[in-house]
Structures are given as C-alpha cells and as structure tokens.
Amino acid sequence: MPGWVPDAVGHYLAHVDGGIPIRALARRIDVHASTVLRQIRRIEARRDDPLVDGGLRRLARALGDNSWDSLGIADGDLLDGELIRVLRRLCEAGATLALAREMERAVVVRDASDGEPARTAMVERPTAEVLALRDLVECEDLDARILRYRVTGAGRSELRMRMAARENAAQERTQAGLAEARRRAQTGGAVRARHPFAESPLASLARRRDKDGTPFLGKGLVAAGERLREDFELAQLEAETPPEWLKLVRGETVVLLPDRGHGQARARVASALGALGPGLGDVALRCCCLLEGMEETERRMGWSARSGKIVLRIALQRLRTHYDSQPAHRIG
C-alpha cells in the first residue's frame, strides 16, 4: 500500500476486504492476535466519520482494482507538500476544516476579527480523508450537517516532523547553492526560515485599528494577502532555494525545482509579484508568504521603524487591484 497508509488501516483492509484471518496477520508482523484485533475494532468504530469511511472505501476500491493510481491521492513529495500546507493552516488559532457531506472539497476557515469566518485554504476531499485516516484531525460533531474538524496533537507533531525534514533539505540545498556561488565568486542571500506556527503579520495587523476605529487592514486586503500565500504554498515555493524567491519579484528568470503539478499556482504567484514590482513585491513576499515579522522586514529592507506596515498596506491595495482585474480571481 502507499506509504501514507497507517498500519492499522492496512490490517483492517487486509482482514475485512482481503479476507486474511487475524491470526495470520499477527504472525506476519510478529505480534499477538489481540493487538491486531484491537486495531481492527478501533478502525471499524471510526467509520461513523464520513472522511474515515470515505478513505477506507477509496482504498478498498484501489485494492480491488489492484491499481493505486485510481486513488486520486499522490504519494511522496506532492502529498508531503499538501499535508504541510493544510496542517499549517489548521494550526492557526481558531482554524477548522469544514466539509459538507455531499461536497468533494473542504475548506479551512479561521475566526476573523469581525466575527465572520475567513477562508484560508481549499482542500480536496481525498487529502482530507488522508488527514482523518492518519488521526491528524478529529470531527467535533459527527451529526452536524456541516462537519468541522480540528487538528489533533498528532497533527501538530506531524507538522513539526515534516517541517523539520523540509527545512533540513532546504538548508542543504541552500548551502550547496552558496558553495557553488562562492566558487564562481558570486554572492547569495538567504531568507530566514519561518517557524511553522508563526502568526501571519496579516493576522496581527488585521486586529489593529486606526484612530477612527476602522480596521488597519480591511477584509478585502487580508483576503488578497491570504490568496497570495495560498498560491505560494500550493506551488511549494517554500521548498526552493531561498534566493530564487526574490527573483520572482524582479521579473527575473527563475530556476525552480521540477514542477510537481502546481504550475498554475506558480504562474499566479509570479504574475502577482511581478505586478507589485520591487519594494511592494518584497514586503508582500516576506510578510504574506514567508511569514517574516514586520520588524525583521523593516531591518532587511532598510526602512525606518513602524514604516513597514504602511508599505504592506499599499502593497495589499495594489495586490487586490491586480486580482480584481482578473474576473476569475476577483475578490468579493
């Protein structure tokens, strides 16, 4: 089975759909039969959860067809990127994964300052089923019409593990790139890695208000910044060698890792940052996508203290204009 399938799920399918006796499974993995029995009973008890049940049915069909390609779930780096993208959103304060029973897509929503939920990510149902099967999310009320899932302790641990592995790989690529640059007598900069649970500067600024009581960042500006971040994460640009990010802002030719199925998201990021240009594009990239703090951005850009938030607001205004100029991406 694919590497993301938990052992207990594999044993359940082997017994229920494959007809393999529990004792035979226990001998195969060298454990007591009661251990496998408890695993099977636990999975069976979780079938009231539509995501768990749907994931098991999807796996059973693929097992019957003897073709994992029909799953609609990628393995390896692409799934790793999707899990990181969704778990990071779910680890934000007040975030839930919302799913209507008949829908093929779920959304991650987060409580906003004005009391209305803000959408922060779209999630394909097969990916949501992986989260449920791996106990990374749990449903608050299985009888509700709209199911809402919150990240579990296991989900937070999974994110830390995957982020650490990705950051180590990115650091190795960065070091290799800098070593090559030194050999060619060139210089290169690096963008500091962000903590996976860091709060977006947008979320912090959205809570602030001007002297007249109006929000410093309106809902439309926050939505524009969140859209840029979602495309950035979908495109898995955070896994690239850091100097390549800033080239996008300047419209330079960028040599990225091989595309893993998110070419449209990459094109949207490049188009948005290109529309902003240097300066505005830099602050949008650093604050919206890389979650770099405002003080750090001001220091890197050489700006005076407390000026960064004003530049960021201007960048978000132009970013919203960019999205509104494209009917398919208009922000309401």
Protein backbone atom coordinates (compact mmCIF):
# COMPACT_ATOMS: atom_id res chain seq x y z
CA MET A 1 0.00 0.00 0.00
CA PRO A 2 1.07 3.65 -0.31
CA GLY A 3 3.47 4.77 2.37
CA TRP A 4 0.97 7.17 3.97
CA VAL A 5 -1.48 4.38 4.91
CA PRO A 6 -1.27 3.67 8.69
CA ASP A 7 -0.50 0.09 9.68
CA ALA A 8 -3.84 -0.28 11.49
CA VAL A 9 -5.74 0.75 8.34
CA GLY A 10 -3.74 -1.72 6.26
CA HIS A 11 -4.52 -4.52 8.70
CA TYR A 12 -8.22 -3.60 8.70
CA LEU A 13 -8.44 -3.70 4.90
CA ALA A 14 -6.43 -6.91 4.71
CA HIS A 15 -8.89 -8.59 7.11
CA VAL A 16 -12.24 -7.05 6.11
CA ASP A 17 -11.73 -6.71 2.35
CA GLY A 18 -8.91 -9.16 1.76
CA GLY A 19 -10.28 -11.94 3.98
CA ILE A 20 -6.95 -12.60 5.73
CA PRO A 21 -7.52 -14.10 9.21
CA ILE A 22 -6.44 -12.01 12.19
CA ARG A 23 -4.04 -14.71 13.43
CA ALA A 24 -2.36 -14.84 10.02
CA LEU A 25 -1.91 -11.06 10.07
CA ALA A 26 -0.49 -11.25 13.60
CA ARG A 27 2.04 -13.91 12.57
CA ARG A 28 3.03 -11.84 9.55
CA ILE A 29 4.00 -8.85 11.69
CA ASP A 30 5.07 -10.87 14.72
CA VAL A 31 2.57 -9.53 17.28
CA HIS A 32 -0.16 -11.09 19.39
CA ALA A 33 -3.50 -11.59 17.66
CA SER A 34 -5.22 -9.39 20.26
CA THR A 35 -3.12 -6.42 19.08
CA VAL A 36 -4.40 -6.74 15.52
CA LEU A 37 -7.96 -7.31 16.80
CA ARG A 38 -7.87 -4.05 18.77
CA GLN A 39 -6.61 -2.20 15.69
CA ILE A 40 -9.43 -3.59 13.55
CA ARG A 41 -12.11 -2.81 16.14
CA ARG A 42 -10.84 0.75 16.52
CA ILE A 43 -10.93 1.38 12.76
CA GLU A 44 -14.40 -0.13 12.50
CA ALA A 45 -15.63 2.16 15.30
CA ARG A 46 -14.34 5.21 13.41
CA ARG A 47 -16.38 4.52 10.27
CA ASP A 48 -19.10 6.86 11.56
CA ASP A 49 -16.73 9.63 10.47
CA PRO A 50 -17.51 10.33 6.77
CA LEU A 51 -13.87 11.10 5.98
CA VAL A 52 -12.63 7.88 7.57
CA ASP A 53 -15.36 5.85 5.87
CA GLY A 54 -14.71 7.53 2.52
CA GLY A 55 -10.98 6.97 2.79
CA LEU A 56 -11.47 3.27 3.58
CA ARG A 57 -13.85 2.84 0.65
CA ARG A 58 -11.40 4.61 -1.67
CA LEU A 59 -8.56 2.34 -0.53
CA ALA A 60 -10.74 -0.79 -0.83
CA ARG A 61 -11.64 0.09 -4.44
CA ALA A 62 -7.99 0.65 -5.33
CA LEU A 63 -7.09 -2.62 -3.63
CA GLY A 64 -9.80 -4.43 -5.61
CA ASP A 65 -8.64 -2.85 -8.86
CA ASN A 66 -5.02 -3.57 -7.96
CA SER A 67 -4.23 0.00 -9.01
CA TRP A 68 -3.21 2.73 -6.60
CA ASP A 69 -3.30 5.26 -9.43
CA SER A 70 -7.09 5.39 -9.09
CA LEU A 71 -6.87 6.74 -5.53
CA GLY A 72 -6.65 10.36 -6.56
CA ILE A 73 -4.05 10.80 -3.83
CA ALA A 74 -0.42 11.42 -4.72
CA ASP A 75 2.35 9.90 -2.62
CA GLY A 76 5.79 11.22 -1.85
CA ASP A 77 6.76 14.89 -2.14
CA LEU A 78 3.43 16.13 -3.53
CA LEU A 79 1.39 14.67 -0.65
CA ASP A 80 4.03 15.91 1.80
CA GLY A 81 3.58 19.44 0.49
CA GLU A 82 -0.20 19.23 0.68
CA LEU A 83 -0.18 17.94 4.27
CA ILE A 84 2.21 20.70 5.34
CA ARG A 85 0.09 23.34 3.61
CA VAL A 86 -3.16 22.22 5.24
CA LEU A 87 -1.75 21.42 8.70
CA ARG A 88 -0.07 24.82 8.90
CA ARG A 89 -3.43 26.45 8.30
CA LEU A 90 -5.19 24.19 10.80
CA CYS A 91 -2.61 25.02 13.48
CA GLU A 92 -3.55 28.70 13.30
CA ALA A 93 -5.72 29.99 16.14
CA GLY A 94 -9.44 29.36 15.62
CA ALA A 95 -8.97 27.28 12.46
CA THR A 96 -11.21 24.36 11.46
CA LEU A 97 -11.62 22.15 8.42
CA ALA A 98 -15.23 22.48 7.23
CA LEU A 99 -16.86 19.92 4.95
CA ALA A 100 -20.40 19.46 3.66
CA ARG A 101 -21.18 15.76 3.39
CA GLU A 102 -22.01 15.88 -0.33
CA MET A 103 -19.09 18.12 -1.36
CA GLU A 104 -15.81 16.96 -2.92
CA ARG A 105 -13.83 19.84 -1.43
CA ALA A 106 -13.33 21.01 2.13
CA VAL A 107 -12.21 24.46 3.26
CA VAL A 108 -10.07 25.62 6.14
CA VAL A 109 -11.74 28.57 7.85
CA ARG A 110 -10.47 30.74 10.67
CA ASP A 111 -12.29 33.07 13.04
CA ALA A 112 -11.77 36.67 11.89
CA SER A 113 -11.70 39.83 13.98
CA ASP A 114 -15.18 40.87 12.77
CA GLY A 115 -16.71 37.55 13.82
CA GLU A 116 -17.13 36.21 10.28
CA PRO A 117 -15.05 33.14 9.33
CA ALA A 118 -12.32 33.72 6.75
CA ARG A 119 -11.39 31.01 4.25
CA THR A 120 -7.67 30.32 4.28
CA ALA A 121 -7.29 27.14 2.18
CA MET A 122 -9.11 24.74 -0.12
CA VAL A 123 -8.60 21.01 0.45
CA GLU A 124 -9.51 18.22 -1.95
CA ARG A 125 -11.59 15.52 -0.29
CA PRO A 126 -9.00 12.71 -0.82
CA THR A 127 -6.42 14.81 1.05
CA ALA A 128 -8.92 15.45 3.86
CA GLU A 129 -9.50 11.68 4.05
CA VAL A 130 -5.77 11.12 4.49
CA LEU A 131 -5.78 13.57 7.40
CA ALA A 132 -8.64 11.69 9.06
CA LEU A 133 -7.24 8.20 8.45
CA ARG A 134 -3.93 9.26 10.00
CA ASP A 135 -5.68 10.75 13.08
CA LEU A 136 -4.33 14.21 12.23
CA VAL A 137 -7.80 15.79 12.52
CA GLU A 138 -10.91 14.92 14.51
CA CYS A 139 -14.54 15.87 13.98
CA GLU A 140 -16.30 18.00 16.60
CA ASP A 141 -19.83 16.72 15.84
CA LEU A 142 -20.45 13.78 13.52
CA ASP A 143 -24.22 14.53 13.41
CA ALA A 144 -23.84 18.08 12.11
CA ARG A 145 -24.80 19.00 8.54
CA ILE A 146 -21.50 20.82 8.09
CA LEU A 147 -18.72 18.72 9.58
CA ARG A 148 -15.95 20.63 11.35
CA TYR A 149 -12.57 19.10 12.09
CA ARG A 150 -9.80 20.43 14.32
CA VAL A 151 -6.15 19.47 14.27
CA THR A 152 -5.12 16.87 16.86
CA GLY A 153 -1.96 16.61 18.93
CA ALA A 154 -0.79 14.01 16.44
CA GLY A 155 -1.43 16.53 13.65
CA ARG A 156 0.73 19.15 15.32
CA SER A 157 3.51 16.61 15.85
CA GLU A 158 3.24 15.52 12.22
CA LEU A 159 3.62 19.11 11.06
CA ARG A 160 6.72 19.64 13.21
CA MET A 161 8.30 16.46 11.86
CA ARG A 162 7.55 17.26 8.21
CA MET A 163 8.62 20.89 8.56
CA ALA A 164 11.89 19.86 10.18
CA ALA A 165 12.62 17.44 7.34
CA ARG A 166 11.76 20.07 4.73
CA GLU A 167 13.85 22.78 6.41
CA ASN A 168 16.82 20.42 6.66
CA ALA A 169 16.53 19.61 2.96
CA ALA A 170 16.17 23.29 2.09
CA GLN A 171 19.20 24.17 4.20
CA GLU A 172 21.26 21.53 2.42
CA ARG A 173 20.22 22.95 -0.95
CA THR A 174 20.98 26.47 0.22
CA GLN A 175 24.44 25.51 1.46
CA ALA A 176 25.15 23.74 -1.81
CA GLY A 177 23.98 26.77 -3.76
CA LEU A 178 26.09 29.17 -1.71
CA ALA A 179 29.13 26.95 -2.06
CA GLU A 180 28.68 26.97 -5.83
CA ALA A 181 28.22 30.74 -5.75
CA ARG A 182 31.45 31.18 -3.82
CA ARG A 183 33.24 29.05 -6.34
CA ARG A 184 32.01 31.41 -9.03
CA ALA A 185 32.91 34.46 -6.94
CA GLN A 186 29.26 35.45 -6.63
CA THR A 187 27.22 36.27 -3.54
CA GLY A 188 23.86 34.96 -2.42
CA GLY A 189 21.43 35.80 0.37
CA ALA A 190 19.12 33.59 2.31
CA VAL A 191 15.69 34.24 3.77
CA ARG A 192 15.42 33.11 7.32
CA ALA A 193 13.27 30.02 7.84
CA ARG A 194 9.94 30.63 9.48
CA HIS A 195 8.52 28.69 12.40
CA PRO A 196 5.58 26.56 11.22
CA PHE A 197 3.31 28.02 13.90
CA ALA A 198 4.30 31.66 13.37
CA GLU A 199 1.32 34.00 13.15
CA SER A 200 0.98 35.79 9.86
CA PRO A 201 1.69 39.55 10.09
CA LEU A 202 -1.65 39.95 8.30
CA ALA A 203 -3.50 38.33 11.20
CA SER A 204 -1.75 40.63 13.68
CA LEU A 205 -2.34 43.82 11.67
CA ALA A 206 -5.97 42.86 10.95
CA ARG A 207 -6.69 43.19 14.68
CA ARG A 208 -5.32 46.74 14.81
CA ARG A 209 -7.48 49.79 14.24
CA ASP A 210 -6.83 53.30 13.01
CA LYS A 211 -7.59 56.33 15.18
CA ASP A 212 -11.14 56.47 13.79
CA GLY A 213 -11.77 52.87 14.83
CA THR A 214 -11.67 51.31 11.36
CA PRO A 215 -9.54 48.18 10.89
CA PHE A 216 -5.99 48.93 9.76
CA LEU A 217 -6.39 46.20 7.14
CA GLY A 218 -9.84 45.69 5.66
CA LYS A 219 -11.23 42.27 4.90
CA GLY A 220 -10.50 42.65 1.18
CA LEU A 221 -6.83 43.43 1.80
CA VAL A 222 -6.43 40.48 4.15
CA ALA A 223 -8.13 38.22 1.57
CA ALA A 224 -5.70 39.40 -1.11
CA GLY A 225 -2.70 38.60 1.08
CA GLU A 226 -4.14 35.21 2.06
CA ARG A 227 -4.73 34.37 -1.62
CA LEU A 228 -1.09 35.10 -2.41
CA ARG A 229 0.03 32.92 0.48
CA GLU A 230 -2.25 30.04 -0.54
CA ASP A 231 -0.88 30.08 -4.10
CA PHE A 232 2.67 30.27 -2.73
CA GLU A 233 2.09 27.22 -0.56
CA LEU A 234 0.23 25.36 -3.33
CA ALA A 235 3.18 25.99 -5.63
CA GLN A 236 5.51 24.62 -2.93
CA LEU A 237 7.84 27.56 -3.48
CA GLU A 238 8.85 27.48 0.18
CA ALA A 239 10.89 24.36 -0.62
CA GLU A 240 13.01 26.19 -3.18
CA THR A 241 16.48 27.62 -2.67
CA PRO A 242 15.80 30.99 -0.92
CA PRO A 243 17.46 33.42 -3.42
CA GLU A 244 15.08 32.20 -6.13
CA TRP A 245 12.08 33.63 -4.26
CA LEU A 246 13.19 37.24 -4.56
CA LYS A 247 13.95 36.88 -8.27
CA LEU A 248 10.20 36.46 -8.82
CA VAL A 249 9.64 40.00 -7.57
CA ARG A 250 12.07 41.46 -10.08
CA GLY A 251 10.73 39.53 -13.04
CA GLU A 252 14.00 37.67 -13.49
CA THR A 253 14.30 34.17 -14.89
CA VAL A 254 13.90 31.71 -12.04
CA VAL A 255 15.30 28.18 -11.97
CA LEU A 256 12.91 26.23 -9.74
CA LEU A 257 12.67 22.61 -8.75
CA PRO A 258 10.76 20.41 -11.22
CA ASP A 259 7.06 21.26 -11.21
CA ARG A 260 5.04 18.76 -9.17
CA GLY A 261 1.62 19.56 -10.55
CA HIS A 262 1.15 23.14 -9.36
CA GLY A 263 2.30 25.07 -12.41
CA GLN A 264 -0.82 27.28 -12.42
CA ALA A 265 -0.23 28.32 -8.81
CA ARG A 266 3.40 29.16 -9.63
CA ALA A 267 2.26 31.27 -12.55
CA ARG A 268 -0.24 33.14 -10.35
CA VAL A 269 2.45 33.90 -7.76
CA ALA A 270 4.87 35.14 -10.42
CA SER A 271 2.14 37.29 -12.01
CA ALA A 272 1.09 38.85 -8.68
CA LEU A 273 4.63 39.61 -7.52
CA GLY A 274 5.52 40.94 -10.94
CA ALA A 275 2.54 43.31 -10.79
CA LEU A 276 3.74 44.64 -7.44
CA GLY A 277 7.36 45.03 -8.52
CA PRO A 278 10.41 45.58 -6.28
CA GLY A 279 9.68 47.04 -2.86
CA LEU A 280 5.98 46.28 -2.68
CA GLY A 281 6.59 42.77 -4.01
CA ASP A 282 9.36 42.24 -1.47
CA VAL A 283 7.21 43.15 1.51
CA ALA A 284 4.25 41.07 0.25
CA LEU A 285 6.51 38.06 -0.30
CA ARG A 286 8.21 38.35 3.08
CA CYS A 287 5.13 39.09 5.20
CA CYS A 288 2.35 37.18 3.41
CA CYS A 289 4.23 34.14 2.12
CA LEU A 290 7.32 33.67 4.30
CA LEU A 291 5.62 34.93 7.49
CA GLU A 292 8.55 37.22 8.22
CA GLY A 293 7.85 39.60 11.10
CA MET A 294 7.41 43.28 10.38
CA GLU A 295 10.46 44.36 12.38
CA GLU A 296 12.62 41.82 10.54
CA THR A 297 11.30 43.01 7.17
CA GLU A 298 12.00 46.65 8.06
CA ARG A 299 15.55 45.74 9.05
CA ARG A 300 16.21 43.77 5.87
CA MET A 301 14.71 46.46 3.64
CA GLY A 302 16.48 49.31 5.45
CA TRP A 303 13.24 51.06 6.40
CA SER A 304 12.53 53.14 9.49
CA ALA A 305 10.69 51.56 12.40
CA ARG A 306 6.90 51.21 12.00
CA SER A 307 7.00 52.18 8.32
CA GLY A 308 6.74 48.59 7.09
CA LYS A 309 3.04 48.21 7.93
CA ILE A 310 2.21 51.25 5.79
CA VAL A 311 4.15 49.83 2.84
CA LEU A 312 2.48 46.46 3.36
CA ARG A 313 -0.97 48.08 3.25
CA ILE A 314 -0.08 49.82 -0.01
CA ALA A 315 1.20 46.50 -1.39
CA LEU A 316 -2.04 44.75 -0.42
CA GLN A 317 -4.11 47.51 -2.03
CA ARG A 318 -2.24 47.05 -5.30
CA LEU A 319 -2.42 43.26 -4.91
CA ARG A 320 -6.19 43.42 -4.56
CA THR A 321 -6.37 45.63 -7.66
CA HIS A 322 -4.31 43.00 -9.50
CA TYR A 323 -6.69 40.21 -8.51
CA ASP A 324 -9.80 42.31 -9.24
CA SER A 325 -8.52 42.94 -12.75
CA GLN A 326 -8.91 39.22 -13.44
CA PRO A 327 -12.58 38.10 -13.34
CA ALA A 328 -11.64 34.56 -12.35
CA HIS A 329 -9.74 35.81 -9.29
CA ARG A 330 -11.86 38.78 -8.25
CA ILE A 331 -12.10 39.32 -4.51
CA GLY A 332 -15.59 39.99 -3.27
